[in-house]
Amino acid sequence: MILKDPTLVEGIAGVWFYHLSASGRTGHPTLCGETRVMQTEAPLSTWGLKTHLNERFCEKCKEIYENMKLKRDEDNTERIII
C-alpha cells in the first residue's frame, strides 16, 4: 500500500486517545486497524505531545508509522510504503 503521511484521529473509546489514519475520516481504519475513531482538529505535528490533558497515543500505530517512515527514508521518496 502506498500513501501519504497519515492524519491524527481520536479514538471514541477514551478521551484524548489518538491513532494515526490513512484517510483521517470517522469510522475508517487506522494504521493499527481500529475503526472506532472520529476526526479531530489536532494536526499530525502534535503526535506524541503530552500536555495537562494527559493525551495518549496508540503504540501500535506509532510502531507502524515509524516503520513506514524508515521505508520512505531508505527509498528517498515522498511517499510512504507499508
PDB file of N, CA and C in Angstrom:
ATOM      1  N   MET A   1       0.841  -1.174   0.000  1.00  0.00           N
ATOM      2  CA  MET A   1       0.000   0.000   0.000  1.00  0.00           C
ATOM      3  C   MET A   1       0.887   1.239   0.000  1.00  0.00           C
ATOM      4  N   ILE A   2       0.551   2.211  -0.829  1.00  0.00           N
ATOM      5  CA  ILE A   2       1.290   3.469  -0.874  1.00  0.00           C
ATOM      6  C   ILE A   2       0.355   4.580  -0.415  1.00  0.00           C
ATOM      7  N   LEU A   3       0.827   5.405   0.498  1.00  0.00           N
ATOM      8  CA  LEU A   3       0.017   6.513   0.981  1.00  0.00           C
ATOM      9  C   LEU A   3       0.900   7.654   1.431  1.00  0.00           C
ATOM     10  N   LYS A   4       0.266   8.799   1.609  1.00  0.00           N
ATOM     11  CA  LYS A   4       0.990   9.961   2.114  1.00  0.00           C
ATOM     12  C   LYS A   4       0.976   9.915   3.632  1.00  0.00           C
ATOM     13  N   ASP A   5       1.561  10.916   4.263  1.00  0.00           N
ATOM     14  CA  ASP A   5       1.586  10.936   5.719  1.00  0.00           C
ATOM     15  C   ASP A   5       0.176  10.765   6.285  1.00  0.00           C
ATOM     16  N   PRO A   6       0.044   9.980   7.342  1.00  0.00           N
ATOM     17  CA  PRO A   6      -1.271   9.783   7.947  1.00  0.00           C
ATOM     18  C   PRO A   6      -1.732  11.020   8.704  1.00  0.00           C
ATOM     19  N   THR A   7      -2.989  11.003   9.094  1.00  0.00           N
ATOM     20  CA  THR A   7      -3.553  12.091   9.882  1.00  0.00           C
ATOM     21  C   THR A   7      -3.929  11.555  11.260  1.00  0.00           C
ATOM     22  N   LEU A   8      -4.055  12.453  12.193  1.00  0.00           N
ATOM     23  CA  LEU A   8      -4.436  12.111  13.555  1.00  0.00           C
ATOM     24  C   LEU A   8      -5.942  11.938  13.623  1.00  0.00           C
ATOM     25  N   VAL A   9      -6.405  10.899  14.302  1.00  0.00           N
ATOM     26  CA  VAL A   9      -7.818  10.711  14.598  1.00  0.00           C
ATOM     27  C   VAL A   9      -7.919  10.350  16.077  1.00  0.00           C
ATOM     28  N   GLU A  10      -9.088  10.596  16.657  1.00  0.00           N
ATOM     29  CA  GLU A  10      -9.269  10.334  18.080  1.00  0.00           C
ATOM     30  C   GLU A  10     -10.147   9.106  18.273  1.00  0.00           C
ATOM     31  N   GLY A  11      -9.692   8.212  19.132  1.00  0.00           N
ATOM     32  CA  GLY A  11     -10.481   7.034  19.456  1.00  0.00           C
ATOM     33  C   GLY A  11     -11.717   7.423  20.249  1.00  0.00           C
ATOM     34  N   ILE A  12     -12.811   6.717  20.024  1.00  0.00           N
ATOM     35  CA  ILE A  12     -14.040   7.047  20.745  1.00  0.00           C
ATOM     36  C   ILE A  12     -14.159   6.268  22.057  1.00  0.00           C
ATOM     37  N   ALA A  13     -13.247   5.316  22.275  1.00  0.00           N
ATOM     38  CA  ALA A  13     -13.295   4.505  23.495  1.00  0.00           C
ATOM     39  C   ALA A  13     -12.729   5.246  24.708  1.00  0.00           C
ATOM     40  N   GLY A  14     -11.985   6.313  24.486  1.00  0.00           N
ATOM     41  CA  GLY A  14     -11.399   7.068  25.582  1.00  0.00           C
ATOM     42  C   GLY A  14     -11.134   8.501  25.169  1.00  0.00           C
ATOM     43  N   VAL A  15     -11.068   9.371  26.140  1.00  0.00           N
ATOM     44  CA  VAL A  15     -10.840  10.782  25.863  1.00  0.00           C
ATOM     45  C   VAL A  15      -9.356  11.024  25.610  1.00  0.00           C
ATOM     46  N   TRP A  16      -9.055  11.774  24.579  1.00  0.00           N
ATOM     47  CA  TRP A  16      -7.696  12.151  24.206  1.00  0.00           C
ATOM     48  C   TRP A  16      -6.783  10.950  23.977  1.00  0.00           C
ATOM     49  N   PHE A  17      -7.346   9.930  23.319  1.00  0.00           N
ATOM     50  CA  PHE A  17      -6.546   8.776  22.917  1.00  0.00           C
ATOM     51  C   PHE A  17      -6.490   8.799  21.397  1.00  0.00           C
ATOM     52  N   TYR A  18      -5.295   8.975  20.858  1.00  0.00           N
ATOM     53  CA  TYR A  18      -5.147   9.213  19.423  1.00  0.00           C
ATOM     54  C   TYR A  18      -4.554   8.035  18.675  1.00  0.00           C
ATOM     55  N   HIS A  19      -4.983   7.918  17.423  1.00  0.00           N
ATOM     56  CA  HIS A  19      -4.477   6.926  16.476  1.00  0.00           C
ATOM     57  C   HIS A  19      -4.007   7.674  15.231  1.00  0.00           C
ATOM     58  N   LEU A  20      -3.357   6.965  14.334  1.00  0.00           N
ATOM     59  CA  LEU A  20      -2.974   7.510  13.034  1.00  0.00           C
ATOM     60  C   LEU A  20      -3.807   6.826  11.965  1.00  0.00           C
ATOM     61  N   SER A  21      -4.289   7.610  11.003  1.00  0.00           N
ATOM     62  CA  SER A  21      -5.170   7.095   9.965  1.00  0.00           C
ATOM     63  C   SER A  21      -4.688   7.527   8.581  1.00  0.00           C
ATOM     64  N   ALA A  22      -4.858   6.638   7.614  1.00  0.00           N
ATOM     65  CA  ALA A  22      -4.505   6.973   6.228  1.00  0.00           C
ATOM     66  C   ALA A  22      -5.504   7.957   5.644  1.00  0.00           C
ATOM     67  N   SER A  23      -6.776   7.856   6.043  1.00  0.00           N
ATOM     68  CA  SER A  23      -7.803   8.724   5.456  1.00  0.00           C
ATOM     69  C   SER A  23      -8.169   9.900   6.359  1.00  0.00           C
ATOM     70  N   GLY A  24      -8.046   9.720   7.676  1.00  0.00           N
ATOM     71  CA  GLY A  24      -8.439  10.777   8.601  1.00  0.00           C
ATOM     72  C   GLY A  24      -9.933  10.918   8.766  1.00  0.00           C
ATOM     73  N   ARG A  25     -10.690   9.936   8.272  1.00  0.00           N
ATOM     74  CA  ARG A  25     -12.148  10.040   8.311  1.00  0.00           C
ATOM     75  C   ARG A  25     -12.748   9.194   9.425  1.00  0.00           C
ATOM     76  N   THR A  26     -13.849   9.658   9.962  1.00  0.00           N
ATOM     77  CA  THR A  26     -14.569   8.945  11.007  1.00  0.00           C
ATOM     78  C   THR A  26     -14.948   7.549  10.529  1.00  0.00           C
ATOM     79  N   GLY A  27     -14.634   6.548  11.360  1.00  0.00           N
ATOM     80  CA  GLY A  27     -15.012   5.176  11.049  1.00  0.00           C
ATOM     81  C   GLY A  27     -14.100   4.438  10.102  1.00  0.00           C
ATOM     82  N   HIS A  28     -13.123   5.121   9.516  1.00  0.00           N
ATOM     83  CA  HIS A  28     -12.188   4.449   8.611  1.00  0.00           C
ATOM     84  C   HIS A  28     -11.066   3.828   9.435  1.00  0.00           C
ATOM     85  N   PRO A  29     -10.532   2.677   9.014  1.00  0.00           N
ATOM     86  CA  PRO A  29      -9.496   2.012   9.811  1.00  0.00           C
ATOM     87  C   PRO A  29      -8.241   2.864   9.994  1.00  0.00           C
ATOM     88  N   THR A  30      -7.668   2.754  11.168  1.00  0.00           N
ATOM     89  CA  THR A  30      -6.398   3.413  11.459  1.00  0.00           C
ATOM     90  C   THR A  30      -5.260   2.491  11.027  1.00  0.00           C
ATOM     91  N   LEU A  31      -4.032   2.931  11.205  1.00  0.00           N
ATOM     92  CA  LEU A  31      -2.898   2.092  10.834  1.00  0.00           C
ATOM     93  C   LEU A  31      -2.905   0.775  11.596  1.00  0.00           C
ATOM     94  N   CYS A  32      -3.382   0.800  12.840  1.00  0.00           N
ATOM     95  CA  CYS A  32      -3.428  -0.422  13.654  1.00  0.00           C
ATOM     96  C   CYS A  32      -4.695  -1.239  13.416  1.00  0.00           C
ATOM     97  N   GLY A  33      -5.630  -0.714  12.625  1.00  0.00           N
ATOM     98  CA  GLY A  33      -6.854  -1.442  12.314  1.00  0.00           C
ATOM     99  C   GLY A  33      -8.083  -1.011  13.099  1.00  0.00           C
ATOM    100  N   GLU A  34      -7.931  -0.103  14.041  1.00  0.00           N
ATOM    101  CA  GLU A  34      -9.072   0.379  14.843  1.00  0.00           C
ATOM    102  C   GLU A  34     -10.032   1.173  13.953  1.00  0.00           C
ATOM    103  N   THR A  35     -11.324   0.916  14.087  1.00  0.00           N
ATOM    104  CA  THR A  35     -12.319   1.650  13.291  1.00  0.00           C
ATOM    105  C   THR A  35     -13.201   2.548  14.149  1.00  0.00           C
ATOM    106  N   ARG A  36     -13.117   2.422  15.462  1.00  0.00           N
ATOM    107  CA  ARG A  36     -13.950   3.254  16.338  1.00  0.00           C
ATOM    108  C   ARG A  36     -13.213   4.563  16.621  1.00  0.00           C
ATOM    109  N   VAL A  37     -13.134   5.401  15.591  1.00  0.00           N
ATOM    110  CA  VAL A  37     -12.420   6.669  15.681  1.00  0.00           C
ATOM    111  C   VAL A  37     -13.248   7.786  15.064  1.00  0.00           C
ATOM    112  N   MET A  38     -12.877   9.008  15.413  1.00  0.00           N
ATOM    113  CA  MET A  38     -13.542  10.177  14.844  1.00  0.00           C
ATOM    114  C   MET A  38     -12.488  11.208  14.441  1.00  0.00           C
ATOM    115  N   GLN A  39     -12.882  12.094  13.565  1.00  0.00           N
ATOM    116  CA  GLN A  39     -11.973  13.139  13.111  1.00  0.00           C
ATOM    117  C   GLN A  39     -11.615  14.061  14.264  1.00  0.00           C
ATOM    118  N   THR A  40     -10.453  14.690  14.171  1.00  0.00           N
ATOM    119  CA  THR A  40     -10.025  15.659  15.170  1.00  0.00           C
ATOM    120  C   THR A  40      -9.355  16.825  14.467  1.00  0.00           C
ATOM    121  N   GLU A  41      -9.332  17.959  15.108  1.00  0.00           N
ATOM    122  CA  GLU A  41      -8.670  19.143  14.554  1.00  0.00           C
ATOM    123  C   GLU A  41      -7.166  19.127  14.844  1.00  0.00           C
ATOM    124  N   ALA A  42      -6.723  18.204  15.693  1.00  0.00           N
ATOM    125  CA  ALA A  42      -5.307  18.153  16.054  1.00  0.00           C
ATOM    126  C   ALA A  42      -4.466  17.763  14.836  1.00  0.00           C
ATOM    127  N   PRO A  43      -3.404  18.521  14.544  1.00  0.00           N
ATOM    128  CA  PRO A  43      -2.555  18.201  13.400  1.00  0.00           C
ATOM    129  C   PRO A  43      -1.575  17.079  13.727  1.00  0.00           C
ATOM    130  N   LEU A  44      -1.020  16.450  12.700  1.00  0.00           N
ATOM    131  CA  LEU A  44      -0.049  15.373  12.866  1.00  0.00           C
ATOM    132  C   LEU A  44       1.152  15.832  13.685  1.00  0.00           C
ATOM    133  N   SER A  45       1.485  17.100  13.616  1.00  0.00           N
ATOM    134  CA  SER A  45       2.648  17.626  14.344  1.00  0.00           C
ATOM    135  C   SER A  45       2.486  17.508  15.863  1.00  0.00           C
ATOM    136  N   THR A  46       1.257  17.269  16.352  1.00  0.00           N
ATOM    137  CA  THR A  46       1.056  17.115  17.793  1.00  0.00           C
ATOM    138  C   THR A  46       1.163  15.665  18.245  1.00  0.00           C
ATOM    139  N   TRP A  47       1.432  14.740  17.311  1.00  0.00           N
ATOM    140  CA  TRP A  47       1.571  13.324  17.653  1.00  0.00           C
ATOM    141  C   TRP A  47       2.672  13.160  18.703  1.00  0.00           C
ATOM    142  N   GLY A  48       2.336  12.547  19.837  1.00  0.00           N
ATOM    143  CA  GLY A  48       3.298  12.302  20.896  1.00  0.00           C
ATOM    144  C   GLY A  48       3.388  13.408  21.937  1.00  0.00           C
ATOM    145  N   LEU A  49       2.758  14.539  21.686  1.00  0.00           N
ATOM    146  CA  LEU A  49       2.805  15.669  22.618  1.00  0.00           C
ATOM    147  C   LEU A  49       1.886  15.404  23.808  1.00  0.00           C
ATOM    148  N   LYS A  50       2.430  15.529  24.997  1.00  0.00           N
ATOM    149  CA  LYS A  50       1.618  15.348  26.207  1.00  0.00           C
ATOM    150  C   LYS A  50       1.521  16.669  26.949  1.00  0.00           C
ATOM    151  N   THR A  51       0.281  17.059  27.251  1.00  0.00           N
ATOM    152  CA  THR A  51       0.028  18.297  27.979  1.00  0.00           C
ATOM    153  C   THR A  51      -0.693  17.959  29.291  1.00  0.00           C
ATOM    154  N   HIS A  52      -1.282  18.966  29.904  1.00  0.00           N
ATOM    155  CA  HIS A  52      -2.044  18.750  31.130  1.00  0.00           C
ATOM    156  C   HIS A  52      -3.274  17.867  30.908  1.00  0.00           C
ATOM    157  N   LEU A  53      -3.649  17.637  29.653  1.00  0.00           N
ATOM    158  CA  LEU A  53      -4.793  16.783  29.332  1.00  0.00           C
ATOM    159  C   LEU A  53      -4.433  15.298  29.392  1.00  0.00           C
ATOM    160  N   ASN A  54      -3.131  14.997  29.501  1.00  0.00           N
ATOM    161  CA  ASN A  54      -2.628  13.625  29.567  1.00  0.00           C
ATOM    162  C   ASN A  54      -3.027  12.812  28.329  1.00  0.00           C
ATOM    163  N   GLU A  55      -2.775  13.386  27.158  1.00  0.00           N
ATOM    164  CA  GLU A  55      -3.068  12.706  25.913  1.00  0.00           C
ATOM    165  C   GLU A  55      -2.323  11.377  25.847  1.00  0.00           C
ATOM    166  N   ARG A  56      -2.942  10.399  25.184  1.00  0.00           N
ATOM    167  CA  ARG A  56      -2.313   9.108  24.984  1.00  0.00           C
ATOM    168  C   ARG A  56      -2.325   8.786  23.498  1.00  0.00           C
ATOM    169  N   PHE A  57      -1.351   8.010  23.080  1.00  0.00           N
ATOM    170  CA  PHE A  57      -1.180   7.715  21.667  1.00  0.00           C
ATOM    171  C   PHE A  57      -1.002   6.215  21.477  1.00  0.00           C
ATOM    172  N   CYS A  58      -1.640   5.682  20.463  1.00  0.00           N
ATOM    173  CA  CYS A  58      -1.619   4.251  20.194  1.00  0.00           C
ATOM    174  C   CYS A  58      -0.195   3.785  19.882  1.00  0.00           C
ATOM    175  N   GLU A  59       0.307   2.849  20.673  1.00  0.00           N
ATOM    176  CA  GLU A  59       1.666   2.334  20.479  1.00  0.00           C
ATOM    177  C   GLU A  59       1.787   1.533  19.183  1.00  0.00           C
ATOM    178  N   LYS A  60       0.717   0.814  18.821  1.00  0.00           N
ATOM    179  CA  LYS A  60       0.741   0.019  17.593  1.00  0.00           C
ATOM    180  C   LYS A  60       0.818   0.940  16.365  1.00  0.00           C
ATOM    181  N   CYS A  61       0.021   2.022  16.356  1.00  0.00           N
ATOM    182  CA  CYS A  61       0.077   3.000  15.264  1.00  0.00           C
ATOM    183  C   CYS A  61       1.467   3.633  15.201  1.00  0.00           C
ATOM    184  N   LYS A  62       2.032   3.935  16.363  1.00  0.00           N
ATOM    185  CA  LYS A  62       3.359   4.553  16.421  1.00  0.00           C
ATOM    186  C   LYS A  62       4.403   3.643  15.784  1.00  0.00           C
ATOM    187  N   GLU A  63       4.371   2.359  16.130  1.00  0.00           N
ATOM    188  CA  GLU A  63       5.340   1.406  15.583  1.00  0.00           C
ATOM    189  C   GLU A  63       5.197   1.283  14.063  1.00  0.00           C
ATOM    190  N   ILE A  64       3.965   1.183  13.597  1.00  0.00           N
ATOM    191  CA  ILE A  64       3.720   1.077  12.151  1.00  0.00           C
ATOM    192  C   ILE A  64       4.191   2.337  11.437  1.00  0.00           C
ATOM    193  N   TYR A  65       3.884   3.500  11.996  1.00  0.00           N
ATOM    194  CA  TYR A  65       4.286   4.777  11.396  1.00  0.00           C
ATOM    195  C   TYR A  65       5.803   4.915  11.334  1.00  0.00           C
ATOM    196  N   GLU A  66       6.495   4.514  12.406  1.00  0.00           N
ATOM    197  CA  GLU A  66       7.956   4.589  12.403  1.00  0.00           C
ATOM    198  C   GLU A  66       8.558   3.681  11.337  1.00  0.00           C
ATOM    199  N   ASN A  67       7.997   2.485  11.156  1.00  0.00           N
ATOM    200  CA  ASN A  67       8.463   1.589  10.098  1.00  0.00           C
ATOM    201  C   ASN A  67       8.183   2.168   8.721  1.00  0.00           C
ATOM    202  N   MET A  68       7.036   2.843   8.576  1.00  0.00           N
ATOM    203  CA  MET A  68       6.703   3.480   7.305  1.00  0.00           C
ATOM    204  C   MET A  68       7.706   4.584   7.000  1.00  0.00           C
ATOM    205  N   LYS A  69       8.034   5.392   8.007  1.00  0.00           N
ATOM    206  CA  LYS A  69       8.970   6.494   7.803  1.00  0.00           C
ATOM    207  C   LYS A  69      10.352   5.954   7.432  1.00  0.00           C
ATOM    208  N   LEU A  70      10.763   4.863   8.065  1.00  0.00           N
ATOM    209  CA  LEU A  70      12.056   4.273   7.751  1.00  0.00           C
ATOM    210  C   LEU A  70      12.101   3.820   6.303  1.00  0.00           C
ATOM    211  N   LYS A  71      11.026   3.192   5.836  1.00  0.00           N
ATOM    212  CA  LYS A  71      10.988   2.746   4.450  1.00  0.00           C
ATOM    213  C   LYS A  71      11.021   3.933   3.491  1.00  0.00           C
ATOM    214  N   ARG A  72      10.321   5.001   3.845  1.00  0.00           N
ATOM    215  CA  ARG A  72      10.311   6.179   2.993  1.00  0.00           C
ATOM    216  C   ARG A  72      11.714   6.781   2.931  1.00  0.00           C
ATOM    217  N   ASP A  73      12.385   6.863   4.066  1.00  0.00           N
ATOM    218  CA  ASP A  73      13.724   7.436   4.100  1.00  0.00           C
ATOM    219  C   ASP A  73      14.708   6.596   3.290  1.00  0.00           C
ATOM    220  N   GLU A  74      14.625   5.282   3.393  1.00  0.00           N
ATOM    221  CA  GLU A  74      15.525   4.399   2.643  1.00  0.00           C
ATOM    222  C   GLU A  74      15.304   4.528   1.143  1.00  0.00           C
ATOM    223  N   ASP A  75      14.046   4.652   0.738  1.00  0.00           N
ATOM    224  CA  ASP A  75      13.734   4.754  -0.689  1.00  0.00           C
ATOM    225  C   ASP A  75      13.934   6.167  -1.226  1.00  0.00           C
ATOM    226  N   ASN A  76      14.064   7.118  -0.316  1.00  0.00           N
ATOM    227  CA  ASN A  76      14.259   8.522  -0.671  1.00  0.00           C
ATOM    228  C   ASN A  76      13.140   9.038  -1.579  1.00  0.00           C
ATOM    229  N   THR A  77      11.912   8.685  -1.225  1.00  0.00           N
ATOM    230  CA  THR A  77      10.760   9.172  -1.976  1.00  0.00           C
ATOM    231  C   THR A  77       9.871   9.988  -1.046  1.00  0.00           C
ATOM    232  N   GLU A  78       8.884  10.656  -1.619  1.00  0.00           N
ATOM    233  CA  GLU A  78       7.962  11.453  -0.830  1.00  0.00           C
ATOM    234  C   GLU A  78       6.774  10.644  -0.361  1.00  0.00           C
ATOM    235  N   ARG A  79       6.686   9.391  -0.764  1.00  0.00           N
ATOM    236  CA  ARG A  79       5.574   8.549  -0.363  1.00  0.00           C
ATOM    237  C   ARG A  79       5.987   7.546   0.683  1.00  0.00           C
ATOM    238  N   ILE A  80       5.030   7.077   1.401  1.00  0.00           N
ATOM    239  CA  ILE A  80       5.267   6.083   2.447  1.00  0.00           C
ATOM    240  C   ILE A  80       4.787   4.740   1.924  1.00  0.00           C
ATOM    241  N   ILE A  81       5.562   3.710   2.103  1.00  0.00           N
ATOM    242  CA  ILE A  81       5.198   2.384   1.650  1.00  0.00           C
ATOM    243  C   ILE A  81       5.069   1.468   2.863  1.00  0.00           C
ATOM    244  N   ILE A  82       3.902   0.812   3.002  1.00  0.00           N
ATOM    245  CA  ILE A  82       3.743  -0.160   4.094  1.00  0.00           C
ATOM    246  C   ILE A  82       3.370  -1.493   3.523  1.00  0.00           C
TER     247      ILE A  82
END
